[in-house]
Amino acid sequence: MIIKSSKIYTEDGCKAGYLQIESGIIKAFYPEGSNITPNIDYGNNRIIPGIYDTHCHGGFGVRIASTTPEDELKLFLKGSASHGVTALLPTTSEVEAMKILCKMAQEEQNGAKIMGIHSEGPWGARVGEKGINTGYPKVDLEYAQKMVDVCNGKLIMVGIAPEVEDADKAIDFFISNGVTMAIYHTNANYQQANEAIDRGITVATHLGNVMTGLHHRDIGVMGACILRDEVHCELICDGMHVSLPMIEIILKIKDHNKIIMISDSGSYAGAPVGKYQGGKDFGTGKSDRNTIEVTEEGFVLSSTGRLSGSSKPVIFGMKNLVERLGMPLDEVIRLSSYNPHKKYGSADKKGSITAGKDADIVVISDDFSVLYTYSEGRLVFDYQVDTDLFKHNFVEENKVG
C-alpha cells in the first residue's frame, strides 16, 4: 500500500511525499515528485504518528473495571482509535480487569493496541482540591504480588504516594519486578518527593493534579518532578486540569523529552452535558463521586466540584499546544507519540514515522479532526464508516434528571 500526503510528519520533519507500507511496516518514504502512483491520496491532510495514551481509565461510556464485558472494552479500544490513539496503557488497579486486558493484549484488536497495564494506585494519600478523603488502603504486598502474577510481564507502571505506610517496600518490590514506579495522589513535600525519586520513582502521574503544588517556600511534589531529570511528567493539556499559563511554565523549564501527554479519560468522556450517577464508577457510601457532572466546558466534576478524570482526548491537548501556545506540531508529536514509546521501551518499533517502524499513523485535518487511523498498517478507524462509537444506553441508564 502506498499513501500520499503533502504533510507527512516524519522523524526528519514535515514532508510532502509517499509512504510505502508492507506487512504493517513502513518500508520507505519517497519525496514528492517521485514516479509513484499511490493507492490513497490524502491531499493536504496531515499524517502524524499514532498517539500513545499511557493513562486512560475508559471512555465512550465504558469504564475499565473487573465487571466490564470484553465487548465493551473492545468498543473503548475502537473509540480510542477514533481519537488517533494507536497504543495505550489501560489504567486500572483491579486485578480481574488486568487479567482480561492482558488476554486482550495478546489478540489483534480492531482499535488501539494494548501495550500493557498502568495501575494508578491503589495506594494513594490525597484526593485533590474540593475532595472528601474517605481513607486509602494500606500497602498490601500480597496484592502487589497478585498484580505482578496476573499481568505476567505486562504490568508497565504502578503509582503510589510515597508517604503511605510501607510505600518504600512496595516501590522496591515493583522495581525488582521490572515495573516503572510513579508518584501519584500524594501529600508529600519537596523533601519526601526527592527521597522517593532517589528510591526509584521515575514518573509523575498527571503533573500538577492531586499532588502538592508549587509554593515559594516548598515547591512540593510538582516542583521536584519538574526539576529532577530522572522524572518523566505526564501532562493533561486540556487547559482545564492544568491551566495554559502553567503548561507554558512547565514547557519552559522541563526537558521536552521528559514530558508525556495523556488523557486521563474516564467513562464520561464523550458523554453529553449533564449529571450522571457516579456510584458504578467511583464507589458508594461517603464518596463525593456518587454524582458526576459533565459541564459545557468539558469538566468532569464530583458533587463537591472535584476534577474526576478528563473528557478530552490527547488530540484535543495537541490542538491546544499548537493553536493556543504556538508550539510547532512536530515538537508536540514528540510529547504525544515518541516520548511515551521511548520511556516504556517500544521506540524501536513505534512512536515516529520512519522506515522500519510499525505503520501506526493518523490522518488528521487542519482543525485536528481525526479522519483515519492505522494500527500496524490496518485501518482501524474511518470517520465515514465508524460513526457509532458510544456505549448504547449509557446516557439513558446513568443520567440524573
Protein backbone atom coordinates (compact mmCIF):
# COMPACT_ATOMS: atom_id res chain seq x y z
CA MET A 1 0.00 0.00 0.00
CA ILE A 2 1.25 3.47 -0.86
CA ILE A 3 -0.33 6.58 0.62
CA LYS A 4 0.33 10.17 -0.32
CA SER A 5 0.08 13.49 1.50
CA SER A 6 1.57 16.95 1.25
CA LYS A 7 2.14 16.95 5.03
CA ILE A 8 3.73 13.79 6.40
CA TYR A 9 5.31 14.36 9.81
CA THR A 10 8.32 12.10 9.53
CA GLU A 11 11.15 11.69 12.01
CA ASP A 12 13.06 14.23 9.88
CA GLY A 13 10.33 16.84 9.73
CA CYS A 14 7.17 17.57 7.76
CA LYS A 15 7.49 16.49 4.14
CA ALA A 16 5.35 16.03 1.05
CA GLY A 17 5.53 12.59 -0.45
CA TYR A 18 4.59 8.95 -0.23
CA LEU A 19 4.68 6.25 2.45
CA GLN A 20 5.10 2.66 1.31
CA ILE A 21 3.60 0.21 3.80
CA GLU A 22 4.10 -3.53 3.64
CA SER A 23 3.08 -6.19 6.20
CA GLY A 24 2.22 -3.48 8.71
CA ILE A 25 5.64 -1.84 8.48
CA ILE A 26 6.69 1.46 6.91
CA LYS A 27 9.04 0.23 4.19
CA ALA A 28 10.05 3.57 2.70
CA PHE A 29 9.32 7.26 2.30
CA TYR A 30 9.54 8.77 -1.19
CA PRO A 31 9.58 12.55 -1.69
CA GLU A 32 7.05 14.41 -3.76
CA GLY A 33 7.87 14.20 -7.46
CA SER A 34 8.85 10.53 -7.32
CA ASN A 35 7.45 8.42 -10.13
CA ILE A 36 4.97 6.60 -7.87
CA THR A 37 1.23 6.02 -8.08
CA PRO A 38 -0.40 6.00 -4.65
CA ASN A 39 -3.23 3.71 -3.61
CA ILE A 40 -4.65 6.51 -1.45
CA ASP A 41 -4.10 10.26 -1.77
CA TYR A 42 -4.87 12.18 1.41
CA GLY A 43 -4.18 15.52 -0.24
CA ASN A 44 -3.32 18.31 2.20
CA ASN A 45 -4.46 16.42 5.30
CA ARG A 46 -1.70 15.84 7.83
CA ILE A 47 -0.29 12.40 8.55
CA ILE A 48 1.14 12.10 12.07
CA PRO A 49 2.43 9.20 14.19
CA GLY A 50 -0.16 7.35 16.24
CA ILE A 51 -0.73 8.69 19.75
CA TYR A 52 0.35 6.57 22.75
CA ASP A 53 -2.00 7.30 25.67
CA THR A 54 -0.38 5.84 28.79
CA HIS A 55 -3.10 6.95 31.23
CA CYS A 56 -6.72 6.19 30.39
CA HIS A 57 -9.48 4.71 32.57
CA GLY A 58 -12.09 4.40 29.85
CA GLY A 59 -14.25 6.44 27.54
CA PHE A 60 -17.25 6.29 25.23
CA GLY A 61 -19.45 5.17 28.13
CA VAL A 62 -17.06 2.36 29.04
CA ARG A 63 -15.11 2.09 32.28
CA ILE A 64 -12.15 -0.26 32.63
CA ALA A 65 -13.26 -2.44 35.55
CA SER A 66 -13.38 -6.05 36.67
CA THR A 67 -17.01 -6.39 35.64
CA THR A 68 -16.72 -4.71 32.23
CA PRO A 69 -17.57 -7.15 29.41
CA GLU A 70 -14.92 -7.74 26.79
CA ASP A 71 -17.11 -6.39 24.00
CA GLU A 72 -17.33 -3.06 25.82
CA LEU A 73 -13.56 -2.95 26.25
CA LYS A 74 -13.27 -3.54 22.50
CA LEU A 75 -15.60 -0.56 21.96
CA PHE A 76 -13.25 1.52 24.10
CA LEU A 77 -10.26 0.44 22.00
CA LYS A 78 -12.14 1.28 18.81
CA GLY A 79 -13.22 4.61 20.23
CA SER A 80 -9.65 5.39 21.24
CA ALA A 81 -8.60 4.86 17.63
CA SER A 82 -11.19 7.48 16.64
CA HIS A 83 -9.09 9.95 18.66
CA GLY A 84 -5.88 8.98 16.91
CA VAL A 85 -4.67 6.62 19.64
CA THR A 86 -2.85 3.58 18.27
CA ALA A 87 -1.28 2.39 21.54
CA LEU A 88 -2.37 2.68 25.15
CA LEU A 89 -1.90 1.54 28.71
CA PRO A 90 -5.39 0.80 30.08
CA THR A 91 -5.39 2.15 33.61
CA THR A 92 -6.86 0.14 36.49
CA SER A 93 -5.84 -1.22 39.87
CA GLU A 94 -8.35 -4.09 39.72
CA VAL A 95 -6.68 -7.49 39.31
CA GLU A 96 -9.59 -9.09 37.45
CA ALA A 97 -9.66 -6.25 34.95
CA MET A 98 -5.91 -6.65 34.47
CA LYS A 99 -6.42 -10.32 33.69
CA ILE A 100 -8.96 -9.58 30.94
CA LEU A 101 -6.86 -6.79 29.44
CA CYS A 102 -3.68 -8.88 29.38
CA LYS A 103 -5.56 -11.58 27.49
CA MET A 104 -6.83 -9.00 25.01
CA ALA A 105 -3.30 -7.64 24.61
CA GLN A 106 -2.30 -10.97 23.05
CA GLU A 107 -5.03 -10.67 20.43
CA GLU A 108 -5.34 -8.43 17.37
CA GLN A 109 -7.83 -5.67 18.11
CA ASN A 110 -9.86 -3.52 15.74
CA GLY A 111 -8.69 -0.41 17.52
CA ALA A 112 -5.84 0.85 19.68
CA LYS A 113 -3.23 -1.72 20.71
CA ILE A 114 -2.88 -2.61 24.40
CA MET A 115 0.81 -2.24 25.25
CA GLY A 116 0.46 -3.21 28.90
CA ILE A 117 -1.22 -2.18 32.14
CA HIS A 118 -0.94 1.01 34.17
CA SER A 119 -2.13 0.67 37.77
CA GLU A 120 -2.84 4.12 39.21
CA GLY A 121 -2.65 3.11 42.84
CA PRO A 122 -4.43 1.78 44.81
CA TRP A 123 -2.12 3.24 47.46
CA GLY A 124 -2.63 6.99 47.44
CA ALA A 125 -2.98 9.62 50.15
CA ARG A 126 -4.63 12.66 48.56
CA VAL A 127 -7.99 13.26 46.90
CA GLY A 128 -7.28 16.65 45.34
CA GLU A 129 -8.96 20.02 45.58
CA LYS A 130 -12.55 20.08 46.85
CA GLY A 131 -12.44 16.35 47.62
CA ILE A 132 -13.57 14.30 50.61
CA ASN A 133 -10.89 11.95 51.90
CA THR A 134 -12.62 8.74 53.00
CA GLY A 135 -9.35 6.89 53.54
CA TYR A 136 -6.99 4.86 51.39
CA PRO A 137 -5.84 1.26 51.76
CA LYS A 138 -2.54 0.40 53.42
CA VAL A 139 0.06 -1.17 51.15
CA ASP A 140 -0.67 -4.88 50.73
CA LEU A 141 2.33 -6.73 49.31
CA GLU A 142 0.26 -9.87 48.73
CA TYR A 143 -1.99 -7.84 46.44
CA ALA A 144 1.09 -6.37 44.79
CA GLN A 145 2.28 -9.90 44.04
CA LYS A 146 -1.11 -10.76 42.52
CA MET A 147 -0.82 -7.72 40.23
CA VAL A 148 2.58 -8.88 39.00
CA ASP A 149 1.50 -12.51 38.62
CA VAL A 150 -1.74 -11.75 36.74
CA CYS A 151 -0.05 -9.37 34.31
CA ASN A 152 2.80 -11.79 33.58
CA GLY A 153 5.20 -9.13 32.33
CA LYS A 154 2.52 -6.71 31.13
CA LEU A 155 2.37 -4.57 34.28
CA ILE A 156 4.19 -1.49 32.99
CA MET A 157 3.62 1.13 35.69
CA VAL A 158 2.25 1.48 39.23
CA GLY A 159 1.51 4.76 41.01
CA ILE A 160 1.97 5.26 44.74
CA ALA A 161 2.02 8.04 47.33
CA PRO A 162 5.49 7.78 48.93
CA GLU A 163 4.24 8.84 52.36
CA VAL A 164 1.78 5.95 52.84
CA GLU A 165 2.80 3.17 55.21
CA ASP A 166 5.17 0.63 53.61
CA ALA A 167 5.37 2.58 50.36
CA ASP A 168 9.13 2.04 50.36
CA LYS A 169 8.62 -1.74 50.38
CA ALA A 170 6.13 -1.53 47.52
CA ILE A 171 8.49 0.65 45.46
CA ASP A 172 11.34 -1.80 45.96
CA PHE A 173 9.11 -4.78 45.17
CA PHE A 174 7.72 -3.43 41.91
CA ILE A 175 11.06 -2.11 40.66
CA SER A 176 12.63 -5.52 41.34
CA ASN A 177 9.94 -6.94 39.05
CA GLY A 178 10.73 -4.53 36.24
CA VAL A 179 7.78 -2.19 36.85
CA THR A 180 8.09 1.59 36.44
CA MET A 181 7.04 3.48 39.55
CA ALA A 182 5.11 6.77 39.53
CA ILE A 183 4.33 9.27 42.25
CA TYR A 184 0.56 9.87 42.45
CA HIS A 185 -2.21 11.32 44.65
CA THR A 186 0.24 12.48 47.25
CA ASN A 187 0.55 15.00 50.08
CA ALA A 188 4.34 14.65 50.13
CA ASN A 189 6.53 17.72 50.43
CA TYR A 190 9.58 18.52 48.32
CA GLN A 191 11.99 16.57 50.52
CA GLN A 192 9.78 13.47 50.61
CA ALA A 193 9.31 13.62 46.84
CA ASN A 194 13.07 13.76 46.29
CA GLU A 195 13.58 10.80 48.59
CA ALA A 196 11.02 8.83 46.60
CA ILE A 197 12.75 9.76 43.34
CA ASP A 198 16.07 8.70 44.83
CA ARG A 199 14.44 5.36 45.65
CA GLY A 200 13.45 4.81 42.02
CA ILE A 201 10.27 6.70 41.10
CA THR A 202 10.63 7.99 37.53
CA VAL A 203 7.13 9.20 36.54
CA ALA A 204 4.90 11.98 37.81
CA THR A 205 1.25 10.99 37.45
CA HIS A 206 -0.74 13.83 35.79
CA LEU A 207 1.69 16.55 36.82
CA GLY A 208 0.05 19.27 38.90
CA ASN A 209 -3.09 17.31 39.69
CA VAL A 210 -3.71 15.67 43.06
CA MET A 211 -0.22 16.48 44.33
CA THR A 212 1.39 19.24 46.36
CA GLY A 213 1.98 22.16 44.04
CA LEU A 214 4.46 24.97 43.61
CA HIS A 215 4.88 27.30 46.57
CA HIS A 216 7.69 29.78 47.04
CA ARG A 217 8.90 28.13 50.27
CA ASP A 218 8.28 24.47 49.40
CA ILE A 219 7.90 23.60 45.73
CA GLY A 220 6.29 20.28 46.62
CA VAL A 221 5.98 17.17 44.51
CA MET A 222 5.27 19.18 41.40
CA GLY A 223 8.46 21.21 41.75
CA ALA A 224 10.57 18.15 42.49
CA CYS A 225 9.26 16.33 39.42
CA ILE A 226 9.87 19.31 37.16
CA LEU A 227 13.43 19.76 38.40
CA ARG A 228 14.55 16.15 38.57
CA ASP A 229 15.85 14.93 35.22
CA GLU A 230 15.06 11.30 36.10
CA VAL A 231 11.32 12.01 36.12
CA HIS A 232 9.04 11.85 33.09
CA CYS A 233 6.00 14.05 33.69
CA GLU A 234 2.54 13.04 32.50
CA LEU A 235 0.65 16.16 31.43
CA ILE A 236 -3.04 16.66 30.69
CA CYS A 237 -3.16 19.50 28.17
CA ASP A 238 -6.91 20.10 28.02
CA GLY A 239 -6.45 23.53 29.64
CA MET A 240 -8.76 22.50 32.48
CA HIS A 241 -6.67 20.14 34.60
CA VAL A 242 -3.64 22.41 34.25
CA SER A 243 -4.07 25.99 33.12
CA LEU A 244 -2.43 27.00 29.87
CA PRO A 245 -0.10 29.53 31.60
CA MET A 246 1.10 26.78 33.95
CA ILE A 247 1.65 24.49 30.96
CA GLU A 248 3.76 27.28 29.44
CA ILE A 249 5.85 27.44 32.62
CA ILE A 250 6.34 23.66 32.61
CA LEU A 251 7.34 23.65 28.94
CA LYS A 252 9.91 26.40 29.56
CA ILE A 253 11.54 24.54 32.45
CA LYS A 254 11.17 20.82 31.82
CA ASP A 255 13.12 19.00 29.12
CA HIS A 256 10.53 18.30 26.41
CA ASN A 257 11.94 14.79 26.04
CA LYS A 258 10.63 14.10 29.55
CA ILE A 259 7.01 15.20 29.01
CA ILE A 260 4.31 12.69 28.09
CA MET A 261 0.86 13.90 27.05
CA ILE A 262 -2.03 11.86 28.46
CA SER A 263 -5.83 12.00 28.53
CA ASP A 264 -6.70 10.52 31.96
CA SER A 265 -10.02 9.80 30.28
CA GLY A 266 -12.91 8.14 32.10
CA SER A 267 -16.20 6.61 31.02
CA TYR A 268 -17.84 10.06 30.87
CA ALA A 269 -15.50 11.20 28.10
CA GLY A 270 -17.74 11.97 25.15
CA ALA A 271 -20.95 11.98 27.21
CA PRO A 272 -23.47 14.82 26.72
CA VAL A 273 -23.57 17.70 29.19
CA GLY A 274 -25.48 16.80 32.34
CA LYS A 275 -25.42 14.99 35.69
CA TYR A 276 -24.84 11.25 35.96
CA GLN A 277 -24.82 8.52 38.55
CA GLY A 278 -21.26 8.03 39.71
CA GLY A 279 -21.56 5.07 42.04
CA LYS A 280 -20.74 2.41 39.46
CA ASP A 281 -17.54 4.21 38.54
CA PHE A 282 -16.36 5.61 41.82
CA GLY A 283 -17.90 3.65 44.66
CA THR A 284 -20.69 4.38 47.08
CA GLY A 285 -21.01 5.46 50.69
CA LYS A 286 -19.46 8.81 51.59
CA SER A 287 -17.71 9.38 48.27
CA ASP A 288 -18.25 12.79 46.66
CA ARG A 289 -18.27 10.95 43.33
CA ASN A 290 -21.70 9.40 43.72
CA THR A 291 -22.87 12.05 41.28
CA ILE A 292 -20.78 13.24 38.33
CA GLU A 293 -21.41 16.35 36.25
CA VAL A 294 -20.15 16.88 32.71
CA THR A 295 -20.08 20.64 32.09
CA GLU A 296 -20.36 22.73 28.92
CA GLU A 297 -16.64 23.44 29.08
CA GLY A 298 -15.82 19.74 29.30
CA PHE A 299 -15.08 19.44 33.01
CA VAL A 300 -15.97 16.13 34.69
CA LEU A 301 -16.76 17.05 38.29
CA SER A 302 -17.77 15.33 41.52
CA SER A 303 -20.58 16.68 43.70
CA THR A 304 -18.02 18.85 45.55
CA GLY A 305 -16.59 20.23 42.31
CA ARG A 306 -13.53 18.00 42.26
CA LEU A 307 -12.00 17.06 38.91
CA SER A 308 -12.86 13.41 38.24
CA GLY A 309 -10.98 12.37 35.15
CA SER A 310 -10.94 14.02 31.75
CA SER A 311 -13.48 14.30 28.97
CA LYS A 312 -10.97 15.33 26.31
CA PRO A 313 -8.55 13.15 24.29
CA VAL A 314 -4.84 13.77 23.78
CA ILE A 315 -5.52 15.14 20.26
CA PHE A 316 -7.51 17.97 21.90
CA GLY A 317 -4.48 18.82 24.02
CA MET A 318 -2.27 18.72 20.95
CA LYS A 319 -4.51 21.28 19.29
CA ASN A 320 -4.23 23.47 22.41
CA LEU A 321 -0.45 23.38 22.35
CA VAL A 322 -0.27 24.20 18.64
CA GLU A 323 -3.05 26.77 18.31
CA ARG A 324 -3.10 28.40 21.75
CA LEU A 325 0.52 28.13 22.85
CA GLY A 326 2.17 28.32 19.43
CA MET A 327 4.19 25.10 19.62
CA PRO A 328 5.25 23.51 16.31
CA LEU A 329 3.27 20.34 15.61
CA ASP A 330 6.42 18.29 15.06
CA GLU A 331 7.51 19.18 18.60
CA VAL A 332 4.09 18.36 20.06
CA ILE A 333 4.17 14.97 18.31
CA ARG A 334 7.24 14.08 20.35
CA LEU A 335 5.22 14.58 23.54
CA SER A 336 2.24 12.54 22.34
CA SER A 337 3.96 9.73 20.46
CA TYR A 338 7.72 9.33 20.65
CA ASN A 339 8.34 10.14 24.32
CA PRO A 340 5.96 7.53 25.78
CA HIS A 341 7.28 4.85 23.43
CA LYS A 342 10.83 5.81 24.37
CA LYS A 343 10.07 5.74 28.09
CA TYR A 344 8.37 2.35 28.00
CA GLY A 345 10.74 0.61 25.64
CA SER A 346 8.92 0.44 22.30
CA ALA A 347 10.51 3.34 20.38
CA ASP A 348 12.48 0.94 18.20
CA LYS A 349 9.17 -0.09 16.59
CA LYS A 350 6.74 2.76 17.25
CA GLY A 351 6.41 6.45 18.01
CA SER A 352 7.57 8.09 14.78
CA ILE A 353 7.16 7.83 11.03
CA THR A 354 10.30 6.34 9.56
CA ALA A 355 11.29 3.30 7.52
CA GLY A 356 11.37 0.10 9.54
CA LYS A 357 8.83 1.12 12.17
CA ASP A 358 5.24 -0.06 12.56
CA ALA A 359 2.75 1.79 10.38
CA ASP A 360 0.93 3.41 13.30
CA ILE A 361 -0.28 6.56 11.57
CA VAL A 362 -3.16 9.00 11.85
CA VAL A 363 -4.65 11.23 9.17
CA ILE A 364 -5.97 14.50 10.61
CA SER A 365 -7.47 17.62 9.11
CA ASP A 366 -6.12 21.12 9.70
CA ASP A 367 -8.59 21.53 12.59
CA PHE A 368 -7.24 18.35 14.28
CA SER A 369 -10.25 16.19 13.45
CA VAL A 370 -9.18 12.56 13.17
CA LEU A 371 -10.14 11.15 9.78
CA TYR A 372 -8.36 7.80 9.59
CA THR A 373 -6.25 5.74 11.99
CA TYR A 374 -3.96 2.89 11.04
CA SER A 375 -2.58 0.40 13.58
CA GLU A 376 0.33 -1.60 12.21
CA GLY A 377 -0.90 -0.89 8.71
CA ARG A 378 -4.53 -1.87 9.36
CA LEU A 379 -7.24 0.75 9.01
CA VAL A 380 -8.90 0.68 12.43
CA PHE A 381 -10.86 3.93 12.18
CA ASP A 382 -12.60 5.55 9.23
CA TYR A 383 -14.62 8.67 10.08
CA GLN A 384 -17.05 7.96 7.26
CA VAL A 385 -17.82 4.44 8.47
CA ASP A 386 -17.23 4.34 12.25
CA THR A 387 -19.89 6.79 13.37
CA ASP A 388 -21.44 4.95 16.33
CA LEU A 389 -18.76 4.59 19.00
CA PHE A 390 -20.53 5.42 22.27
CA LYS A 391 -21.93 2.70 24.52
CA HIS A 392 -25.62 2.26 23.88
CA ASN A 393 -27.87 3.05 26.84
CA PHE A 394 -25.10 4.69 28.90
CA VAL A 395 -26.81 8.06 28.98
CA GLU A 396 -30.27 6.57 29.47
CA GLU A 397 -29.09 4.36 32.35
CA ASN A 398 -26.85 6.86 34.13
CA LYS A 399 -28.16 10.40 33.54
CA VAL A 400 -29.80 12.02 36.55
CA GLY A 401 -32.91 14.07 35.88
